[in-house]
Amino acid sequence: MTATILVADDDAAIRTVLNQALTRAGYDVRITSNAATLWRWISAGEGDLVVTDVIMPDENAFDLLPRIKKARPDLPVLVMSAQNTFMTAIKASEKGAYDYLPKPFDLTELIAIIGRALAEPKRKPARLDDDTQDGMPLVGRSTAMQEIYRVLARLMQTDLTLMITGESGTGKELVARALHDYGKRRNGPFVAINMAAIPRDLIESELFGHEKGAFTGAQNRSTGRFEQAEGGTLFLDEIGDMPMDAQTRLLRVLQQGEYTTVGGRTPIRTDVRIVAATNKDLKQLINQGLFREDLYYRLNVVPLRLPPLRDRAEDIPDLVRHFMQMAEKEGLDGKRFETEALDAMKAYAWPGNVRELENLVRRLMALYPQDVITREIIETELRSDVPDSPIDKMTARSGSLTIAQAVEENMRSYFAGFGENLPPPGLYDRVLTEMEYPLILAALTATRGNQIKAADLLGLNRNTLRKKIRELGVSVYRSSRGA
């Protein structure tokens, strides 16, 4: 039998497009502009699937959804909305929607989702008791952020391990925190640990705790982060900096659900959701022998990449408003940003990502007495914010390392990571190849993405530099003037 799709949207153009597309896909389609008619059809037992907008003239779809799920729990409901925020996606999941699509949507994707929904009509929707919409843990309406919202909404009621990747400052801990606060473990603790901020010889003790006398200075038993996070979420930030011994212990937790304290002998069962994050290429670390491949696949059950701010520049006005509101609550005076000022911010590369933007907004509100922030102010601030080239940092500052000294120091650390063993063969070519990427990235960063200047700085032909940028996948930064 041909499935019947019920469509509700107060926009006549959208109703026409959906009617034509779904009819061509082989479905019977019934369309309406209001929630009352939609509810009458549903309560009469009509329709095999619902596609509805959130905002309709007579009723909000989120108010209608609980009645639909109570009357016909197996009826899949797809929610569409132009209010493309994190909370919209979460609300759709909480109210039992099969899926959420931000407007404008892709018709091919919509039809594919309908096909999946009709193939599994018994799917049990995820539900939460908390009905609040207060707060906005994640901000942005760009296409990239919409996909992140949809993934998180699907993960809220699961305990699947999540691997968040992205550059520093993109908000990895914010995403982990949102997953916890709006998920089924929200009544448990959220515990975060940054591997890069803890001495390597103390990481195992920090994670798993230690017994009295386990090592010099262990005068008392100490609880670890796993014990502190029991029943909740453990966020392992900068997982790529975890030493090999600690990786082996973590793998056991993921495989067997238990661990032992440092110096302990009795296995301890644990009930913790793991969310890991890194700004490093873990596959490259695996090739270098610095990260366990089996642990990588255990952690990378659900991968989620956070885009850098330069790839979602359209979110900058929303983020600026959000950070201003936060600062105003702390007592700072509000500002108004000229359109040209926001345009300059959109054109900037933001090497520090969202964290850099937040710091800039706070600085502007604290230091500038004028009520209006102009393009000139932004350009002055962004010029002063451009970080020194990593090359300059190594060579220009008094008392700092030369390039040769920095390489020597890193190579010693690299060999130390293998203990008594040696790295895999082919080290010479591997090191030279891997040094090309940060060297070219440093040159592009220093020249604000100007490839002519970067080629001159490196002493390379411009075509050679372009070829290496393509081969190595180096991100090309834009300047605040669009150069």
Protein backbone atom coordinates (compact mmCIF):
# COMPACT_ATOMS: atom_id res chain seq x y z
CA MET A 1 0.00 0.00 0.00
CA THR A 2 1.13 3.56 -0.69
CA ALA A 3 1.99 5.45 2.49
CA THR A 4 0.12 8.65 3.28
CA ILE A 5 2.12 11.68 4.41
CA LEU A 6 0.40 14.44 6.39
CA VAL A 7 2.02 17.84 5.83
CA ALA A 8 1.33 20.92 7.96
CA ASP A 9 2.94 24.29 7.26
CA ASP A 10 1.51 27.80 7.13
CA ASP A 11 3.82 28.72 4.23
CA ALA A 12 1.95 28.07 0.96
CA ALA A 13 5.17 27.83 -1.05
CA ILE A 14 6.58 25.12 1.22
CA ARG A 15 3.29 23.19 1.10
CA THR A 16 3.41 23.26 -2.72
CA VAL A 17 7.04 22.13 -2.89
CA LEU A 18 6.49 19.29 -0.42
CA ASN A 19 3.28 18.18 -2.13
CA GLN A 20 5.02 17.95 -5.50
CA ALA A 21 8.20 16.30 -4.22
CA LEU A 22 6.46 13.68 -2.06
CA THR A 23 3.92 12.89 -4.78
CA ARG A 24 6.77 12.32 -7.25
CA ALA A 25 8.37 10.03 -4.66
CA GLY A 26 5.24 7.84 -4.75
CA TYR A 27 3.43 8.92 -1.60
CA ASP A 28 -0.16 10.05 -1.08
CA VAL A 29 0.02 13.56 0.37
CA ARG A 30 -2.47 15.58 2.42
CA ILE A 31 -1.57 19.17 3.18
CA THR A 32 -2.90 21.74 5.64
CA SER A 33 -1.90 25.16 6.91
CA ASN A 34 -2.94 24.67 10.55
CA ALA A 35 -2.52 22.38 13.55
CA ALA A 36 -6.26 21.87 14.11
CA THR A 37 -6.75 20.09 10.78
CA LEU A 38 -3.58 18.06 11.29
CA TRP A 39 -4.80 16.91 14.70
CA ARG A 40 -8.23 16.00 13.28
CA TRP A 41 -6.60 13.75 10.67
CA ILE A 42 -4.30 12.14 13.22
CA SER A 43 -7.02 11.52 15.81
CA ALA A 44 -9.11 9.90 13.06
CA GLY A 45 -6.28 7.42 12.43
CA GLU A 46 -5.25 8.88 9.09
CA GLY A 47 -1.70 9.15 7.78
CA ASP A 48 1.42 7.00 8.10
CA LEU A 49 3.87 9.85 8.80
CA VAL A 50 3.67 13.55 9.68
CA VAL A 51 5.82 16.41 8.41
CA THR A 52 5.06 19.57 10.35
CA ASP A 53 6.42 23.05 10.91
CA VAL A 54 6.91 24.13 14.53
CA ILE A 55 5.22 27.53 14.36
CA MET A 56 1.66 27.47 13.01
CA PRO A 57 -1.13 30.04 13.34
CA ASP A 58 -3.22 28.15 15.86
CA GLU A 59 -0.76 25.96 17.82
CA ASN A 60 2.92 25.23 18.30
CA ALA A 61 3.88 21.76 17.06
CA PHE A 62 5.82 21.15 20.28
CA ASP A 63 2.54 21.52 22.19
CA LEU A 64 0.80 19.18 19.76
CA LEU A 65 3.49 16.48 19.76
CA PRO A 66 2.73 15.03 23.24
CA ARG A 67 -0.93 14.51 22.22
CA ILE A 68 0.16 12.83 18.98
CA LYS A 69 2.57 10.48 20.79
CA LYS A 70 -0.08 9.62 23.37
CA ALA A 71 -2.79 8.93 20.80
CA ARG A 72 -0.58 7.23 18.20
CA PRO A 73 2.85 6.41 19.68
CA ASP A 74 4.03 4.62 16.52
CA LEU A 75 3.31 7.54 14.18
CA PRO A 76 6.63 9.10 13.06
CA VAL A 77 6.67 12.90 13.18
CA LEU A 78 9.29 14.98 11.34
CA VAL A 79 9.61 18.52 12.65
CA MET A 80 10.75 21.46 10.50
CA SER A 81 11.71 24.87 11.83
CA ALA A 82 13.29 28.13 10.76
CA GLN A 83 14.25 28.68 14.41
CA ASN A 84 17.47 26.79 13.89
CA THR A 85 18.91 26.71 17.40
CA PHE A 86 20.35 23.97 19.58
CA MET A 87 17.28 24.14 21.82
CA THR A 88 14.94 23.59 18.86
CA ALA A 89 16.70 20.33 18.02
CA ILE A 90 16.70 19.23 21.66
CA LYS A 91 13.04 20.18 22.07
CA ALA A 92 12.12 18.09 19.04
CA SER A 93 13.90 15.09 20.55
CA GLU A 94 12.36 15.65 24.00
CA LYS A 95 8.84 15.83 22.59
CA GLY A 96 9.26 12.58 20.67
CA ALA A 97 9.86 13.72 17.10
CA TYR A 98 11.43 11.12 14.82
CA ASP A 99 13.80 13.73 13.42
CA TYR A 100 14.32 17.46 13.09
CA LEU A 101 15.09 19.37 9.90
CA PRO A 102 16.18 23.02 9.89
CA LYS A 103 14.80 25.29 7.18
CA PRO A 104 15.79 25.58 4.43
CA PHE A 105 16.06 21.80 4.06
CA ASP A 106 17.26 19.46 1.35
CA LEU A 107 14.37 17.60 -0.32
CA THR A 108 16.53 14.55 -1.07
CA GLU A 109 17.47 14.28 2.59
CA LEU A 110 13.85 14.73 3.67
CA ILE A 111 12.65 11.93 1.40
CA ALA A 112 15.47 9.66 2.63
CA ILE A 113 14.47 10.30 6.26
CA ILE A 114 10.82 9.57 5.44
CA GLY A 115 11.86 6.27 3.86
CA ARG A 116 13.82 5.27 6.97
CA ALA A 117 11.00 6.32 9.30
CA LEU A 118 8.39 4.30 7.44
CA ALA A 119 10.71 1.28 7.42
CA GLU A 120 10.86 1.33 11.25
CA PRO A 121 7.46 2.51 12.46
CA LYS A 122 7.89 0.88 15.87
CA ARG A 123 10.80 3.13 16.79
CA LYS A 124 10.47 4.31 20.37
CA PRO A 125 11.01 8.06 20.69
CA ALA A 126 13.43 9.51 23.18
CA ARG A 127 11.74 11.45 25.99
CA LEU A 128 12.93 13.71 28.77
CA ASP A 129 10.96 14.91 31.77
CA ASP A 130 12.57 18.37 31.85
CA ASP A 131 10.52 20.76 29.73
CA THR A 132 12.67 23.85 30.13
CA GLN A 133 14.01 25.91 27.26
CA ASP A 134 16.03 28.25 29.45
CA GLY A 135 19.65 28.78 28.48
CA MET A 136 21.42 28.35 25.19
CA PRO A 137 24.50 26.17 25.68
CA LEU A 138 25.39 26.20 21.99
CA VAL A 139 24.90 29.15 19.67
CA GLY A 140 24.69 29.37 15.89
CA ARG A 141 22.28 28.79 13.01
CA SER A 142 24.78 27.86 10.30
CA THR A 143 24.46 24.62 8.34
CA ALA A 144 27.49 23.20 10.14
CA MET A 145 25.98 23.83 13.57
CA GLN A 146 22.59 22.47 12.53
CA GLU A 147 24.16 19.09 11.82
CA ILE A 148 25.84 19.13 15.24
CA TYR A 149 22.51 19.89 16.93
CA ARG A 150 20.84 16.99 15.14
CA VAL A 151 23.60 14.55 16.09
CA LEU A 152 23.49 15.63 19.73
CA ALA A 153 19.71 15.37 19.85
CA ARG A 154 19.96 11.75 18.69
CA LEU A 155 22.64 10.95 21.27
CA MET A 156 20.93 12.44 24.32
CA GLN A 157 19.24 9.23 25.43
CA THR A 158 22.16 6.91 24.68
CA ASP A 159 25.42 6.06 26.44
CA LEU A 160 27.41 5.82 23.22
CA THR A 161 31.00 7.00 23.50
CA LEU A 162 31.58 10.24 21.62
CA MET A 163 34.83 11.54 20.09
CA ILE A 164 34.81 15.30 19.53
CA THR A 165 37.50 16.70 17.26
CA GLY A 166 38.25 20.28 16.31
CA GLU A 167 40.73 23.09 16.70
CA SER A 168 41.41 24.68 20.08
CA GLY A 169 38.71 27.14 21.07
CA THR A 170 35.87 25.58 19.02
CA GLY A 171 33.87 24.62 22.13
CA LYS A 172 34.52 20.91 22.60
CA GLU A 173 33.86 21.01 26.34
CA LEU A 174 30.67 23.04 25.78
CA VAL A 175 29.38 20.29 23.48
CA ALA A 176 30.26 17.58 26.01
CA ARG A 177 28.57 19.58 28.75
CA ALA A 178 25.42 20.08 26.65
CA LEU A 179 25.27 16.36 25.91
CA HIS A 180 25.40 15.69 29.64
CA ASP A 181 23.06 18.45 30.82
CA TYR A 182 20.29 17.52 28.36
CA GLY A 183 20.85 13.74 28.38
CA LYS A 184 19.65 10.95 30.62
CA ARG A 185 22.71 11.31 32.89
CA ARG A 186 21.98 14.96 33.68
CA ASN A 187 21.28 14.16 37.35
CA GLY A 188 24.76 12.67 37.72
CA PRO A 189 28.10 14.50 37.92
CA PHE A 190 29.95 15.97 34.96
CA VAL A 191 33.70 15.61 35.47
CA ALA A 192 36.30 17.02 33.08
CA ILE A 193 40.02 16.30 32.93
CA ASN A 194 42.54 17.83 30.52
CA MET A 195 45.34 15.39 29.73
CA ALA A 196 47.66 18.13 28.55
CA ALA A 197 47.40 20.00 31.86
CA ILE A 198 48.50 17.10 34.10
CA PRO A 199 52.04 15.72 34.46
CA ARG A 200 52.21 12.49 32.47
CA ASP A 201 53.35 10.43 35.47
CA LEU A 202 50.26 11.51 37.46
CA ILE A 203 47.55 10.90 34.85
CA GLU A 204 46.82 7.31 35.91
CA SER A 205 46.40 8.39 39.52
CA GLU A 206 44.19 11.32 38.48
CA LEU A 207 41.96 9.06 36.41
CA PHE A 208 41.74 5.92 38.52
CA GLY A 209 42.78 7.05 42.00
CA HIS A 210 45.51 5.49 44.12
CA GLU A 211 45.95 3.53 47.32
CA LYS A 212 47.95 4.68 50.32
CA GLY A 213 51.63 3.95 49.73
CA ALA A 214 51.14 3.25 46.00
CA PHE A 215 54.05 5.60 45.22
CA THR A 216 56.27 8.11 46.96
CA GLY A 217 54.09 10.84 48.41
CA ALA A 218 50.86 8.78 48.38
CA GLN A 219 50.17 9.21 52.10
CA ASN A 220 46.43 8.58 51.80
CA ARG A 221 43.99 6.87 49.48
CA SER A 222 42.77 9.24 46.75
CA THR A 223 39.70 8.96 44.54
CA GLY A 224 40.12 9.32 40.79
CA ARG A 225 37.99 11.01 38.18
CA PHE A 226 36.22 7.77 37.26
CA GLU A 227 34.98 7.39 40.82
CA GLN A 228 34.01 11.07 40.98
CA ALA A 229 32.03 10.75 37.72
CA GLU A 230 30.14 7.59 38.73
CA GLY A 231 26.64 7.64 37.26
CA GLY A 232 27.46 10.67 35.12
CA THR A 233 29.79 11.77 32.33
CA LEU A 234 33.59 11.83 32.21
CA PHE A 235 35.03 14.28 29.67
CA LEU A 236 38.57 13.36 28.59
CA ASP A 237 39.94 16.48 26.93
CA GLU A 238 43.12 16.38 24.80
CA ILE A 239 43.00 12.59 24.76
CA GLY A 240 45.94 12.58 22.33
CA ASP A 241 48.24 13.60 25.21
CA MET A 242 47.41 10.50 27.27
CA PRO A 243 50.52 8.33 27.88
CA MET A 244 50.54 4.73 26.65
CA ASP A 245 50.22 3.10 30.11
CA ALA A 246 47.11 5.15 30.87
CA GLN A 247 45.72 4.30 27.42
CA THR A 248 45.99 0.60 28.27
CA ARG A 249 44.09 1.12 31.53
CA LEU A 250 41.40 3.17 29.76
CA LEU A 251 40.99 0.48 27.12
CA ARG A 252 40.22 -2.04 29.86
CA VAL A 253 37.52 0.23 31.24
CA LEU A 254 35.90 0.51 27.82
CA GLN A 255 36.14 -3.22 27.16
CA GLN A 256 35.24 -4.64 30.57
CA GLY A 257 33.58 -1.78 32.45
CA GLU A 258 36.01 -1.97 35.35
CA TYR A 259 39.35 -0.60 36.54
CA THR A 260 41.79 -0.86 39.44
CA THR A 261 43.30 2.01 41.38
CA VAL A 262 47.04 2.62 41.21
CA GLY A 263 48.45 0.22 43.78
CA GLY A 264 45.11 -1.56 44.13
CA ARG A 265 44.22 -5.15 43.28
CA THR A 266 40.44 -5.30 43.49
CA PRO A 267 38.59 -4.48 40.24
CA ILE A 268 36.04 -1.69 40.58
CA ARG A 269 32.95 -1.69 38.39
CA THR A 270 32.11 1.65 36.83
CA ASP A 271 29.06 3.23 35.23
CA VAL A 272 30.34 6.31 33.42
CA ARG A 273 29.69 7.74 29.97
CA ILE A 274 32.94 8.65 28.20
CA VAL A 275 33.22 11.70 25.97
CA ALA A 276 36.70 12.29 24.55
CA ALA A 277 38.07 15.28 22.66
CA THR A 278 41.23 16.23 20.81
CA ASN A 279 42.64 18.87 18.50
CA LYS A 280 45.23 16.42 17.21
CA ASP A 281 45.18 13.91 14.36
CA LEU A 282 44.89 10.64 16.28
CA LYS A 283 45.49 8.55 13.16
CA GLN A 284 48.79 10.32 12.71
CA LEU A 285 49.64 9.58 16.36
CA ILE A 286 48.77 5.93 15.72
CA ASN A 287 51.20 5.84 12.80
CA GLN A 288 53.84 7.36 15.08
CA GLY A 289 53.21 4.68 17.69
CA LEU A 290 51.95 7.22 20.23
CA PHE A 291 48.28 6.21 20.38
CA ARG A 292 46.70 2.75 20.54
CA GLU A 293 44.68 1.90 17.47
CA ASP A 294 42.29 -0.36 19.43
CA LEU A 295 41.62 2.46 21.90
CA TYR A 296 40.96 4.86 19.02
CA TYR A 297 38.18 2.66 17.65
CA ARG A 298 36.70 2.19 21.13
CA LEU A 299 36.54 5.95 21.64
CA ASN A 300 35.51 6.86 18.11
CA VAL A 301 32.10 5.13 18.27
CA VAL A 302 30.38 8.38 17.31
CA PRO A 303 32.74 10.96 15.75
CA LEU A 304 31.74 14.63 15.87
CA ARG A 305 33.89 17.31 14.26
CA LEU A 306 33.39 20.89 15.40
CA PRO A 307 33.97 23.42 12.62
CA PRO A 308 36.42 26.28 13.13
CA LEU A 309 34.78 29.69 13.44
CA ARG A 310 36.12 30.79 10.03
CA ASP A 311 33.96 28.02 8.47
CA ARG A 312 30.77 29.31 10.13
CA ALA A 313 31.30 33.05 9.98
CA GLU A 314 27.55 33.61 9.56
CA ASP A 315 27.17 32.64 13.24
CA ILE A 316 29.33 35.56 14.43
CA PRO A 317 26.44 38.06 14.96
CA ASP A 318 24.55 35.51 17.10
CA LEU A 319 27.71 34.70 19.06
CA VAL A 320 28.48 38.39 19.62
CA ARG A 321 24.96 38.96 21.00
CA HIS A 322 25.32 35.90 23.22
CA PHE A 323 28.66 37.00 24.67
CA MET A 324 27.38 40.55 25.19
CA GLN A 325 24.40 39.23 27.15
CA MET A 326 26.73 37.16 29.32
CA ALA A 327 28.98 40.17 29.94
CA GLU A 328 26.02 42.45 30.72
CA LYS A 329 24.91 40.01 33.43
CA GLU A 330 28.35 40.49 34.96
CA GLY A 331 27.87 44.26 35.06
CA LEU A 332 29.50 45.45 31.82
CA ASP A 333 27.71 48.07 29.70
CA GLY A 334 26.10 46.88 26.48
CA LYS A 335 27.29 47.94 23.02
CA ARG A 336 25.95 48.14 19.50
CA PHE A 337 28.02 46.78 16.62
CA GLU A 338 27.91 48.51 13.24
CA THR A 339 27.11 46.24 10.30
CA GLU A 340 30.54 47.06 8.85
CA ALA A 341 32.15 46.01 12.14
CA LEU A 342 30.41 42.64 12.01
CA ASP A 343 31.46 42.28 8.35
CA ALA A 344 35.09 42.81 9.37
CA MET A 345 34.70 40.16 12.06
CA LYS A 346 33.21 37.74 9.54
CA ALA A 347 36.21 38.21 7.24
CA TYR A 348 38.77 37.57 9.97
CA ALA A 349 40.36 34.10 10.21
CA TRP A 350 39.85 33.63 14.00
CA PRO A 351 42.84 31.36 14.72
CA GLY A 352 41.64 31.22 18.35
CA ASN A 353 38.09 30.36 17.23
CA VAL A 354 35.06 31.02 19.46
CA ARG A 355 37.23 31.50 22.54
CA GLU A 356 39.07 34.34 20.78
CA LEU A 357 35.77 35.94 19.77
CA GLU A 358 34.45 35.78 23.33
CA ASN A 359 37.61 37.40 24.67
CA LEU A 360 37.36 40.17 22.05
CA VAL A 361 33.72 40.97 22.89
CA ARG A 362 34.49 41.16 26.60
CA ARG A 363 37.50 43.38 25.95
CA LEU A 364 35.47 45.74 23.77
CA MET A 365 32.76 46.04 26.41
CA ALA A 366 35.24 46.62 29.21
CA LEU A 367 37.69 49.03 27.58
CA TYR A 368 35.72 51.13 25.06
CA PRO A 369 33.48 53.87 26.51
CA GLN A 370 31.58 54.53 23.27
CA ASP A 371 28.20 52.85 22.75
CA VAL A 372 28.84 51.92 19.09
CA ILE A 373 31.63 49.59 17.99
CA THR A 374 32.89 50.60 14.55
CA ARG A 375 34.80 48.77 11.84
CA GLU A 376 37.89 50.82 12.67
CA ILE A 377 37.82 49.62 16.27
CA ILE A 378 37.44 46.02 15.17
CA GLU A 379 40.28 46.23 12.65
CA THR A 380 42.56 47.82 15.25
CA GLU A 381 41.76 45.12 17.79
CA LEU A 382 42.11 42.26 15.32
CA ARG A 383 45.45 43.54 14.08
CA SER A 384 46.71 43.59 17.64
CA ASP A 385 45.26 40.11 18.17
CA VAL A 386 47.14 38.43 15.30
CA PRO A 387 49.48 35.94 16.97
CA ASP A 388 53.16 36.00 16.23
CA SER A 389 54.34 33.41 13.77
CA PRO A 390 55.43 30.19 15.50
CA ILE A 391 58.74 30.70 13.70
CA ASP A 392 59.13 34.13 15.29
CA LYS A 393 58.20 32.72 18.68
CA MET A 394 61.04 30.22 18.41
CA THR A 395 63.74 32.60 17.21
CA ALA A 396 62.95 36.21 18.02
CA ARG A 397 62.30 36.24 21.74
CA SER A 398 65.21 36.48 24.09
CA GLY A 399 65.95 33.25 25.87
CA SER A 400 63.56 31.11 23.78
CA LEU A 401 64.41 27.96 21.85
CA THR A 402 65.90 27.99 18.39
CA ILE A 403 64.20 25.83 15.78
CA ALA A 404 66.93 23.20 16.11
CA GLN A 405 66.58 23.15 19.90
CA ALA A 406 62.79 22.84 19.66
CA VAL A 407 63.08 19.90 17.25
CA GLU A 408 65.68 18.23 19.45
CA GLU A 409 63.50 18.64 22.54
CA ASN A 410 60.44 17.21 20.80
CA MET A 411 62.38 14.28 19.39
CA ARG A 412 63.64 13.40 22.87
CA SER A 413 60.03 13.39 24.11
CA TYR A 414 59.01 11.31 21.09
CA PHE A 415 61.64 8.62 21.79
CA ALA A 416 60.83 8.68 25.50
CA GLY A 417 57.26 7.71 24.69
CA PHE A 418 58.48 4.30 23.48
CA GLY A 419 60.31 3.42 26.69
CA GLU A 420 62.85 0.71 25.96
CA ASN A 421 61.52 0.17 22.43
CA LEU A 422 62.34 2.00 19.21
CA PRO A 423 59.90 3.86 16.92
CA PRO A 424 58.73 2.23 13.67
CA PRO A 425 61.24 2.28 10.77
CA GLY A 426 61.29 5.16 8.28
CA LEU A 427 61.67 7.86 10.91
CA TYR A 428 63.80 10.26 8.80
CA ASP A 429 61.32 10.65 5.93
CA ARG A 430 58.37 10.66 8.33
CA VAL A 431 59.77 13.51 10.43
CA LEU A 432 60.64 15.62 7.37
CA THR A 433 57.16 15.09 5.92
CA GLU A 434 55.43 15.92 9.19
CA MET A 435 57.47 19.09 9.69
CA GLU A 436 56.25 20.50 6.38
CA TYR A 437 52.67 20.91 7.57
CA PRO A 438 53.31 23.08 10.70
CA LEU A 439 56.00 25.03 8.84
CA ILE A 440 53.68 25.98 5.99
CA LEU A 441 50.80 26.60 8.41
CA ALA A 442 53.02 28.90 10.48
CA ALA A 443 54.02 30.87 7.38
CA LEU A 444 50.40 31.25 6.26
CA THR A 445 49.34 32.29 9.76
CA ALA A 446 52.11 34.86 9.96
CA THR A 447 51.16 36.33 6.57
CA ARG A 448 47.39 36.22 7.27
CA GLY A 449 46.86 33.75 4.40
CA ASN A 450 48.78 35.73 1.77
CA GLN A 451 50.36 32.95 -0.31
CA ILE A 452 52.72 35.29 -2.20
CA LYS A 453 54.21 36.55 1.06
CA ALA A 454 54.23 33.04 2.56
CA ALA A 455 56.10 31.66 -0.46
CA ASP A 456 58.64 34.48 -0.17
CA LEU A 457 59.01 33.87 3.57
CA LEU A 458 59.65 30.16 2.98
CA GLY A 459 61.87 30.71 -0.06
CA LEU A 460 59.57 28.63 -2.25
CA ASN A 461 58.11 29.14 -5.69
CA ARG A 462 54.44 30.17 -5.37
CA ASN A 463 53.27 27.20 -7.47
CA THR A 464 55.32 24.86 -5.29
CA LEU A 465 53.67 26.30 -2.18
CA ARG A 466 50.18 25.90 -3.69
CA LYS A 467 50.96 22.28 -4.55
CA LYS A 468 52.12 21.55 -1.00
CA ILE A 469 49.04 23.28 0.47
CA ARG A 470 46.81 20.97 -1.59
CA GLU A 471 48.84 17.82 -0.86
CA LEU A 472 49.07 18.45 2.89
CA GLY A 473 45.54 19.85 3.30
CA VAL A 474 46.78 23.03 4.99
CA SER A 475 44.06 25.51 5.98
CA VAL A 476 44.54 28.85 4.20
CA TYR A 477 43.71 31.70 6.59
CA ARG A 478 41.94 34.85 5.38
CA SER A 479 42.86 38.31 6.57
CA SER A 480 40.32 40.69 8.13
CA ARG A 481 40.44 42.71 4.90
CA GLY A 482 39.63 39.67 2.78
CA ALA A 483 43.13 39.38 1.28
